[in-house]
């Protein structure tokens, strides 16, 4: 699936929207080198595709929701009925931000609504700070979502930080 390596040498203050003019590429690993370079922000404002953005913790999710009220969020206290409403909305450029555990719930609800094939075929999945999925393996079910049937059909971009920059 991942065949090419492309290196961009840029000023440390360069934001990703200056590198990826048409949005983040699909089916990619991006070693972004540092935080706060606009990857998640750029995907939230990209209204050309529907996206599920998976972030490692609720604080990031709620912070983004405060900045982007139109953003749908899925985490512990969000009900399955609320998730169903998000999936039924079916709006161009729709964004759902979730934790890894919430991603499992989205997939289960989409399957119940017979919309899972559409999501696999048409949605973009952004795994932000994916290195934490491993470093936080103490969280029950954090990795099981990534083993779910069909997940490999999504267009996935994984954002990584070098070990030296991990929090």
Protein backbone atom coordinates (compact mmCIF):
# COMPACT_ATOMS: atom_id res chain seq x y z
CA UNK A 1 0.00 0.00 0.00
CA UNK A 2 2.85 2.42 0.83
CA UNK A 3 5.37 2.39 -1.99
CA UNK A 4 6.98 5.81 -2.27
CA UNK A 5 8.98 7.96 0.07
CA UNK A 6 8.84 11.70 -0.49
CA UNK A 7 10.92 14.04 1.64
CA UNK A 8 10.12 17.72 2.04
CA UNK A 9 12.85 19.83 3.63
CA UNK A 10 11.23 23.00 4.88
CA UNK A 11 11.66 25.76 7.41
CA UNK A 12 10.61 24.52 10.88
CA UNK A 13 7.83 27.12 10.94
CA UNK A 14 6.25 25.85 7.72
CA UNK A 15 2.68 24.60 8.09
CA UNK A 16 1.49 21.48 6.26
CA UNK A 17 -0.95 23.41 4.07
CA UNK A 18 2.09 24.96 2.36
CA UNK A 19 3.45 21.48 1.59
CA UNK A 20 0.22 19.65 0.73
CA UNK A 21 -1.70 22.24 -1.27
CA UNK A 22 -4.65 19.89 -1.96
CA UNK A 23 -4.97 18.55 1.59
CA UNK A 24 -3.21 15.68 3.29
CA UNK A 25 -2.37 12.83 0.93
CA UNK A 26 -4.23 9.53 1.25
CA UNK A 27 -2.60 6.25 2.26
CA UNK A 28 0.44 7.96 3.74
CA UNK A 29 2.65 8.05 6.78
CA UNK A 30 3.67 11.60 7.59
CA UNK A 31 6.52 12.04 10.03
CA UNK A 32 5.61 15.61 10.83
CA UNK A 33 8.56 16.35 13.09
CA UNK A 34 6.69 18.56 15.53
CA UNK A 35 3.26 19.48 16.85
CA UNK A 36 1.11 22.44 15.85
CA UNK A 37 1.88 22.52 12.14
CA UNK A 38 -1.72 22.51 10.98
CA UNK A 39 -2.37 18.88 10.04
CA UNK A 40 -5.55 18.43 12.06
CA UNK A 41 -6.69 22.01 11.48
CA UNK A 42 -6.18 21.63 7.74
CA UNK A 43 -8.25 18.46 7.63
CA UNK A 44 -11.05 20.01 9.70
CA UNK A 45 -11.40 22.93 7.29
CA UNK A 46 -11.00 20.76 4.16
CA UNK A 47 -14.62 20.58 2.99
CA UNK A 48 -13.86 18.47 -0.10
CA UNK A 49 -14.05 15.12 1.71
CA UNK A 50 -15.66 13.48 4.70
CA UNK A 51 -13.17 12.55 7.41
CA UNK A 52 -12.94 10.63 10.64
CA UNK A 53 -10.09 12.13 12.65
CA UNK A 54 -8.79 9.91 15.42
CA UNK A 55 -6.85 11.65 18.18
CA UNK A 56 -5.29 10.00 21.23
CA UNK A 57 -7.20 11.75 23.99
CA UNK A 58 -10.36 13.61 24.88
CA UNK A 59 -8.60 16.88 25.76
CA UNK A 60 -7.40 17.32 22.15
CA UNK A 61 -10.87 16.43 20.90
CA UNK A 62 -12.64 18.95 23.16
CA UNK A 63 -10.09 21.67 22.39
CA UNK A 64 -10.72 21.25 18.64
CA UNK A 65 -14.48 21.20 19.23
CA UNK A 66 -14.21 24.54 21.07
CA UNK A 67 -12.40 26.04 18.06
CA UNK A 68 -14.66 24.36 15.48
CA UNK A 69 -18.25 24.08 16.79
CA UNK A 70 -19.39 22.35 13.58
CA UNK A 71 -17.09 19.41 14.36
CA UNK A 72 -18.88 16.21 15.43
CA UNK A 73 -17.14 14.43 18.31
CA UNK A 74 -17.37 10.87 19.61
CA UNK A 75 -16.00 9.84 23.00
CA UNK A 76 -17.21 8.23 26.21
CA UNK A 77 -20.38 10.18 27.01
CA UNK A 78 -21.68 10.44 23.43
CA UNK A 79 -24.61 8.05 22.90
CA UNK A 80 -25.07 5.62 20.04
CA UNK A 81 -28.15 7.64 19.04
CA UNK A 82 -25.97 10.73 18.67
CA UNK A 83 -23.48 8.74 16.58
CA UNK A 84 -26.35 7.51 14.38
CA UNK A 85 -27.45 11.11 13.81
CA UNK A 86 -23.90 12.06 12.77
CA UNK A 87 -23.68 9.19 10.29
CA UNK A 88 -27.18 9.80 8.91
CA UNK A 89 -26.33 13.47 8.28
CA UNK A 90 -24.33 12.47 5.18
CA UNK A 91 -23.04 15.96 4.39
CA UNK A 92 -20.18 16.74 1.99
CA UNK A 93 -17.10 17.71 4.00
CA UNK A 94 -18.49 16.22 7.22
CA UNK A 95 -15.93 15.70 10.00
CA UNK A 96 -16.12 13.38 12.98
CA UNK A 97 -13.33 13.54 15.54
CA UNK A 98 -12.98 10.64 17.94
CA UNK A 99 -10.70 8.71 20.24
CA UNK A 100 -9.46 5.27 19.12
CA UNK A 101 -12.10 3.68 21.33
CA UNK A 102 -14.78 5.90 19.77
CA UNK A 103 -13.72 4.78 16.29
CA UNK A 104 -14.89 1.28 17.15
CA UNK A 105 -18.29 2.66 18.14
CA UNK A 106 -18.57 4.62 14.88
CA UNK A 107 -17.83 1.48 12.87
CA UNK A 108 -20.36 -0.59 14.83
CA UNK A 109 -23.10 2.03 14.43
CA UNK A 110 -22.31 2.55 10.72
CA UNK A 111 -22.60 -1.22 10.26
CA UNK A 112 -26.00 -1.23 11.99
CA UNK A 113 -27.15 1.57 9.67
CA UNK A 114 -25.86 -0.29 6.58
CA UNK A 115 -23.52 2.65 5.86
CA UNK A 116 -20.20 0.97 6.62
CA UNK A 117 -19.34 0.19 2.99
CA UNK A 118 -19.95 3.83 2.10
CA UNK A 119 -17.64 4.95 4.89
CA UNK A 120 -14.94 2.48 3.84
CA UNK A 121 -15.25 3.57 0.21
CA UNK A 122 -15.71 7.34 0.53
CA UNK A 123 -14.37 8.60 3.84
CA UNK A 124 -10.83 9.59 4.79
CA UNK A 125 -9.37 8.38 8.10
CA UNK A 126 -6.71 10.50 9.78
CA UNK A 127 -4.86 8.84 12.66
CA UNK A 128 -3.30 11.82 14.41
CA UNK A 129 -0.38 11.19 16.75
CA UNK A 130 -0.64 7.49 15.95
CA UNK A 131 2.53 6.71 17.90
CA UNK A 132 0.49 7.15 21.08
CA UNK A 133 -1.71 4.20 20.11
CA UNK A 134 1.27 2.05 21.05
CA UNK A 135 2.68 4.13 23.90
CA UNK A 136 -0.74 4.17 25.60
CA UNK A 137 -1.39 0.45 25.17
CA UNK A 138 -2.49 0.31 28.82
CA UNK A 139 -5.83 1.73 27.59
CA UNK A 140 -8.23 -1.14 27.11
CA UNK A 141 -9.22 -1.56 23.43
CA UNK A 142 -6.97 1.22 22.07
CA UNK A 143 -5.43 -1.14 19.50
CA UNK A 144 -8.37 -3.45 18.81
CA UNK A 145 -10.04 -0.80 16.65
CA UNK A 146 -7.15 -0.95 14.22
CA UNK A 147 -7.75 -4.68 13.79
CA UNK A 148 -11.39 -4.33 12.77
CA UNK A 149 -12.52 -5.95 9.53
CA UNK A 150 -12.59 -3.59 6.57
CA UNK A 151 -10.55 -0.81 8.15
CA UNK A 152 -7.84 -1.39 5.58
CA UNK A 153 -10.26 -0.23 2.88
CA UNK A 154 -10.26 3.36 4.14
CA UNK A 155 -7.88 5.97 2.79
CA UNK A 156 -5.66 6.40 5.81
CA UNK A 157 -3.05 8.97 6.64
CA UNK A 158 -1.03 8.48 9.79
CA UNK A 159 0.70 11.40 11.47
CA UNK A 160 3.74 10.49 13.54
CA UNK A 161 6.10 12.40 15.79
CA UNK A 162 9.74 11.40 16.21
CA UNK A 163 10.39 9.70 19.54
CA UNK A 164 12.37 12.70 20.75
CA UNK A 165 9.26 14.92 20.47
CA UNK A 166 6.79 12.65 22.22
CA UNK A 167 5.17 14.22 25.27
